[in-house]
Amino acid sequence: MKFIPLTHAVLLDLQLRGYNILTSKNTVDDENPTWYPITVPDIWEYLLQLDCKGSIVPLQEPAILVIADALKDIVEEELQGEVFIEIDHLEELEDKIQFYGKQYKFISNPENYVFSFDPKRVLIRNYALRTGNHLLYLAYIDVNYPTHIIDEMRDLEDLTRSLICLDQEQAREWFSKHDVTMVQSDISIFDMDAILTIFLLRTDQQITIPLEEKDELVYNLMHTDDLLQLRDLFWIDPRMA
């Protein structure tokens, strides 16, 4: 258990775990509150009971945040404070979202991105496939790209059944067996958690391969011989387009 910054991904994860309210020992005027997730049977009855208790000085009232309302009404950059949460892979996801967000500015400018190129969506999808927490990704799609929800549910289920994780020697043999010479990553090709898809180069197609000097952190291309020298773990989507 530890405190981590409050974000939409954290709120979604808490909501999917059954929490519906964040409480705080801080007052409503504090700019950096610490939050504690709880579950109440009836949100409005809970809030009404708090209101009935009253307070002599309103600004001394404890801060309360309804998770569903925060997801709907508060943009990411306006979320404040840290939440006490049980961490597994979620902390790693949050770190990546913050790191990628500095380059792509998708937290402060989400309107600049579409489904086909949304680095935050790619990160959450990667997390969902590796951890099995599909609900977090589907909740993100439902909020941001509702017209894609059915196709994404089907693709997630299909890839979950076929996704493979290989060590270096197994990956070398697999690439050789299937005549794979180039792969494309979802997140950075240099990240061991990247899920690799088979890239089939058409005869009329030219490519640019992002290496260290390139800026792109998603959808990188690399020859398998080069990639095999970089790591000893490979997540592979074996489906051939």
Protein backbone atom coordinates (compact mmCIF):
# COMPACT_ATOMS: atom_id res chain seq x y z
CA MET A 1 0.00 0.00 0.00
CA LYS A 2 1.26 3.48 -0.81
CA PHE A 3 0.20 6.94 -1.95
CA ILE A 4 0.21 7.66 -5.69
CA PRO A 5 -0.97 10.74 -7.66
CA LEU A 6 -4.69 10.82 -8.41
CA THR A 7 -5.41 10.31 -12.13
CA HIS A 8 -8.27 9.09 -14.31
CA ALA A 9 -6.60 5.67 -14.69
CA VAL A 10 -6.40 5.32 -10.91
CA LEU A 11 -10.04 6.39 -10.53
CA LEU A 12 -11.13 3.88 -13.17
CA ASP A 13 -9.19 1.09 -11.48
CA LEU A 14 -10.71 1.94 -8.09
CA GLN A 15 -14.19 2.05 -9.61
CA LEU A 16 -13.70 -1.36 -11.19
CA ARG A 17 -12.59 -2.74 -7.83
CA GLY A 18 -15.88 -1.64 -6.34
CA TYR A 19 -14.92 1.65 -4.66
CA ASN A 20 -17.24 4.59 -5.22
CA ILE A 21 -16.01 7.40 -2.93
CA LEU A 22 -12.71 8.96 -1.91
CA THR A 23 -12.58 10.45 1.57
CA SER A 24 -9.87 12.62 3.05
CA LYS A 25 -8.63 13.85 6.40
CA ASN A 26 -7.89 17.12 4.64
CA THR A 27 -10.46 19.88 4.41
CA VAL A 28 -12.16 21.10 1.23
CA ASP A 29 -9.81 24.08 0.88
CA ASP A 30 -6.62 21.99 0.86
CA GLU A 31 -4.90 22.05 -2.56
CA ASN A 32 -3.07 18.72 -2.15
CA PRO A 33 -5.35 16.33 -0.24
CA THR A 34 -4.60 12.71 0.60
CA TRP A 35 -7.44 10.38 -0.38
CA TYR A 36 -8.67 7.04 0.96
CA PRO A 37 -11.01 4.89 -1.19
CA ILE A 38 -14.16 3.46 0.42
CA THR A 39 -17.31 1.68 -0.71
CA VAL A 40 -20.72 2.79 0.53
CA PRO A 41 -24.08 1.10 -0.24
CA ASP A 42 -25.79 4.36 -1.22
CA ILE A 43 -23.69 7.36 -2.23
CA TRP A 44 -26.40 9.98 -1.86
CA GLU A 45 -27.53 8.69 1.52
CA TYR A 46 -23.90 8.80 2.68
CA LEU A 47 -23.48 12.39 1.45
CA LEU A 48 -26.79 13.40 3.03
CA GLN A 49 -25.70 12.02 6.41
CA LEU A 50 -22.48 14.04 6.19
CA ASP A 51 -24.42 17.17 5.29
CA CYS A 52 -26.82 16.67 8.19
CA LYS A 53 -23.93 16.53 10.64
CA GLY A 54 -22.98 20.03 9.52
CA SER A 55 -19.99 22.13 10.47
CA ILE A 56 -19.60 25.48 12.19
CA VAL A 57 -16.94 26.51 9.66
CA PRO A 58 -17.72 25.18 6.14
CA LEU A 59 -14.08 25.18 5.02
CA GLN A 60 -13.27 22.80 7.87
CA GLU A 61 -15.50 20.13 6.33
CA PRO A 62 -13.59 17.03 5.17
CA ALA A 63 -12.99 16.69 1.43
CA ILE A 64 -15.14 14.09 -0.36
CA LEU A 65 -14.87 12.95 -3.97
CA VAL A 66 -17.47 10.77 -5.72
CA ILE A 67 -15.46 8.66 -8.18
CA ALA A 68 -18.12 8.53 -10.92
CA ASP A 69 -18.58 12.31 -10.78
CA ALA A 70 -14.83 12.92 -10.86
CA LEU A 71 -14.43 10.74 -13.97
CA LYS A 72 -17.24 12.56 -15.73
CA ASP A 73 -16.73 16.17 -14.64
CA ILE A 74 -13.04 16.70 -13.74
CA VAL A 75 -10.36 16.82 -16.43
CA GLU A 76 -7.12 15.01 -15.70
CA GLU A 77 -4.95 18.08 -15.05
CA GLU A 78 -7.40 19.37 -12.43
CA LEU A 79 -7.32 16.23 -10.28
CA GLN A 80 -5.50 17.01 -7.05
CA GLY A 81 -3.76 15.06 -4.33
CA GLU A 82 -2.65 11.48 -3.79
CA VAL A 83 -4.64 8.34 -3.08
CA PHE A 84 -3.75 5.46 -0.77
CA ILE A 85 -3.98 2.36 -2.92
CA GLU A 86 -2.82 -1.21 -3.22
CA ILE A 87 -0.30 -1.25 -6.06
CA ASP A 88 0.53 -4.04 -8.47
CA HIS A 89 1.26 -3.18 -12.08
CA LEU A 90 -0.88 -0.07 -11.88
CA GLU A 91 1.98 2.03 -10.50
CA GLU A 92 4.11 1.09 -13.51
CA LEU A 93 1.27 2.08 -15.82
CA GLU A 94 0.92 5.44 -14.08
CA ASP A 95 4.66 6.09 -14.38
CA LYS A 96 4.51 5.34 -18.10
CA ILE A 97 1.46 7.55 -18.62
CA GLN A 98 3.27 10.45 -16.96
CA PHE A 99 6.48 9.81 -18.95
CA TYR A 100 4.73 9.49 -22.32
CA GLY A 101 2.44 12.38 -21.43
CA LYS A 102 5.40 14.77 -21.20
CA GLN A 103 6.17 14.15 -24.87
CA TYR A 104 2.70 13.75 -26.36
CA LYS A 105 0.78 16.14 -24.05
CA PHE A 106 -2.28 13.84 -24.16
CA ILE A 107 -3.16 14.66 -20.55
CA SER A 108 -3.45 18.41 -21.11
CA ASN A 109 -4.55 18.22 -24.77
CA PRO A 110 -6.62 15.03 -25.26
CA GLU A 111 -8.54 16.66 -28.11
CA ASN A 112 -5.41 16.41 -30.29
CA TYR A 113 -5.62 12.61 -30.41
CA VAL A 114 -7.84 10.10 -32.17
CA PHE A 115 -8.42 6.39 -31.61
CA SER A 116 -5.79 5.26 -34.12
CA PHE A 117 -3.09 7.37 -32.47
CA ASP A 118 -3.74 7.80 -28.78
CA PRO A 119 -0.59 6.92 -26.80
CA LYS A 120 -2.55 6.72 -23.54
CA ARG A 121 -4.95 4.19 -25.07
CA VAL A 122 -1.98 2.16 -26.34
CA LEU A 123 -0.40 2.13 -22.86
CA ILE A 124 -3.61 1.02 -21.13
CA ARG A 125 -4.23 -1.66 -23.77
CA ASN A 126 -0.69 -2.99 -23.25
CA TYR A 127 -1.31 -3.10 -19.48
CA ALA A 128 -4.65 -4.87 -19.99
CA LEU A 129 -3.17 -7.59 -22.19
CA ARG A 130 -0.21 -8.32 -19.92
CA THR A 131 -2.09 -8.25 -16.60
CA GLY A 132 -5.50 -9.54 -17.61
CA ASN A 133 -7.22 -6.39 -16.30
CA HIS A 134 -9.37 -5.94 -19.39
CA LEU A 135 -12.02 -3.90 -17.60
CA LEU A 136 -9.70 -0.93 -17.14
CA TYR A 137 -9.06 -0.71 -20.88
CA LEU A 138 -12.69 -1.26 -21.84
CA ALA A 139 -13.77 1.41 -19.37
CA TYR A 140 -11.30 3.83 -21.01
CA ILE A 141 -12.66 2.98 -24.46
CA ASP A 142 -16.26 3.31 -23.27
CA VAL A 143 -15.56 6.81 -21.96
CA ASN A 144 -13.39 8.09 -24.81
CA TYR A 145 -14.22 6.03 -27.93
CA PRO A 146 -17.63 4.40 -27.36
CA THR A 147 -18.14 3.53 -31.04
CA HIS A 148 -15.09 1.23 -30.85
CA ILE A 149 -16.14 -0.70 -27.74
CA ILE A 150 -17.50 -3.84 -29.49
CA ASP A 151 -14.52 -4.24 -31.84
CA GLU A 152 -12.07 -3.67 -29.01
CA MET A 153 -13.78 -6.26 -26.79
CA ARG A 154 -13.49 -8.84 -29.57
CA ASP A 155 -9.87 -7.97 -30.38
CA LEU A 156 -8.87 -8.07 -26.71
CA GLU A 157 -10.42 -11.50 -26.23
CA ASP A 158 -8.84 -12.82 -29.42
CA LEU A 159 -5.35 -11.53 -28.66
CA THR A 160 -5.51 -12.69 -25.03
CA ARG A 161 -6.01 -16.25 -26.28
CA SER A 162 -3.06 -16.06 -28.70
CA LEU A 163 -0.54 -13.74 -26.99
CA ILE A 164 2.77 -15.47 -26.25
CA CYS A 165 5.73 -14.56 -24.02
CA LEU A 166 9.11 -16.01 -25.01
CA ASP A 167 12.68 -15.87 -23.76
CA GLN A 168 15.47 -14.86 -26.13
CA GLU A 169 16.23 -18.32 -27.54
CA GLN A 170 12.55 -19.18 -27.94
CA ALA A 171 11.95 -15.86 -29.70
CA ARG A 172 14.90 -16.44 -32.05
CA GLU A 173 13.51 -19.85 -33.00
CA TRP A 174 9.98 -18.49 -33.41
CA PHE A 175 11.11 -15.62 -35.67
CA SER A 176 13.14 -18.04 -37.77
CA LYS A 177 10.35 -20.63 -38.03
CA HIS A 178 7.83 -18.05 -39.23
CA ASP A 179 10.28 -16.08 -41.42
CA VAL A 180 9.72 -12.92 -39.39
CA THR A 181 12.43 -10.32 -39.99
CA MET A 182 10.71 -7.19 -38.70
CA VAL A 183 8.31 -6.40 -35.87
CA GLN A 184 6.33 -3.37 -34.76
CA SER A 185 5.87 -2.49 -31.09
CA ASP A 186 2.85 -0.96 -29.40
CA ILE A 187 4.77 1.04 -26.76
CA SER A 188 8.48 1.88 -27.02
CA ILE A 189 10.46 -0.86 -28.76
CA PHE A 190 13.08 -0.50 -26.01
CA ASP A 191 10.56 -1.34 -23.27
CA MET A 192 10.59 -5.04 -22.34
CA ASP A 193 6.81 -4.84 -21.83
CA ALA A 194 6.20 -3.86 -25.47
CA ILE A 195 3.89 -6.19 -27.34
CA LEU A 196 5.31 -6.99 -30.77
CA THR A 197 3.26 -7.54 -33.91
CA ILE A 198 4.48 -9.08 -37.14
CA PHE A 199 5.31 -6.41 -39.69
CA LEU A 200 5.09 -7.61 -43.29
CA LEU A 201 6.92 -5.25 -45.62
CA ARG A 202 5.28 -4.82 -49.00
CA THR A 203 7.55 -4.54 -52.03
CA ASP A 204 6.35 -0.99 -52.71
CA GLN A 205 6.62 0.19 -49.11
CA GLN A 206 9.34 2.30 -47.56
CA ILE A 207 9.91 2.36 -43.81
CA THR A 208 11.60 4.50 -41.21
CA ILE A 209 12.91 2.67 -38.18
CA PRO A 210 12.90 4.71 -34.95
CA LEU A 211 16.06 4.19 -32.92
CA GLU A 212 17.48 6.08 -29.92
CA GLU A 213 17.70 9.38 -31.77
CA LYS A 214 14.04 9.27 -32.82
CA ASP A 215 11.26 10.81 -30.76
CA GLU A 216 8.35 8.40 -31.25
CA LEU A 217 7.52 6.20 -28.26
CA VAL A 218 4.76 4.15 -29.90
CA TYR A 219 4.48 2.01 -33.03
CA ASN A 220 8.24 1.57 -33.51
CA LEU A 221 9.71 -0.77 -36.13
CA MET A 222 12.84 -2.86 -35.71
CA HIS A 223 14.56 -5.76 -37.43
CA THR A 224 14.41 -8.91 -35.31
CA ASP A 225 18.19 -9.41 -35.44
CA ASP A 226 18.68 -6.03 -33.80
CA LEU A 227 15.89 -6.57 -31.28
CA LEU A 228 17.27 -9.93 -30.15
CA GLN A 229 20.41 -8.17 -28.97
CA LEU A 230 18.46 -5.80 -26.70
CA ARG A 231 16.48 -8.04 -24.36
CA ASP A 232 15.69 -11.50 -23.06
CA LEU A 233 11.89 -11.29 -22.86
CA PHE A 234 9.47 -10.93 -25.78
CA TRP A 235 5.69 -10.42 -25.74
CA ILE A 236 4.46 -11.38 -29.22
CA ASP A 237 1.14 -11.10 -31.01
CA PRO A 238 1.52 -14.10 -33.33
CA ARG A 239 -1.45 -13.27 -35.55
CA MET A 240 -0.47 -12.73 -39.16
CA ALA A 241 -2.26 -9.83 -40.86
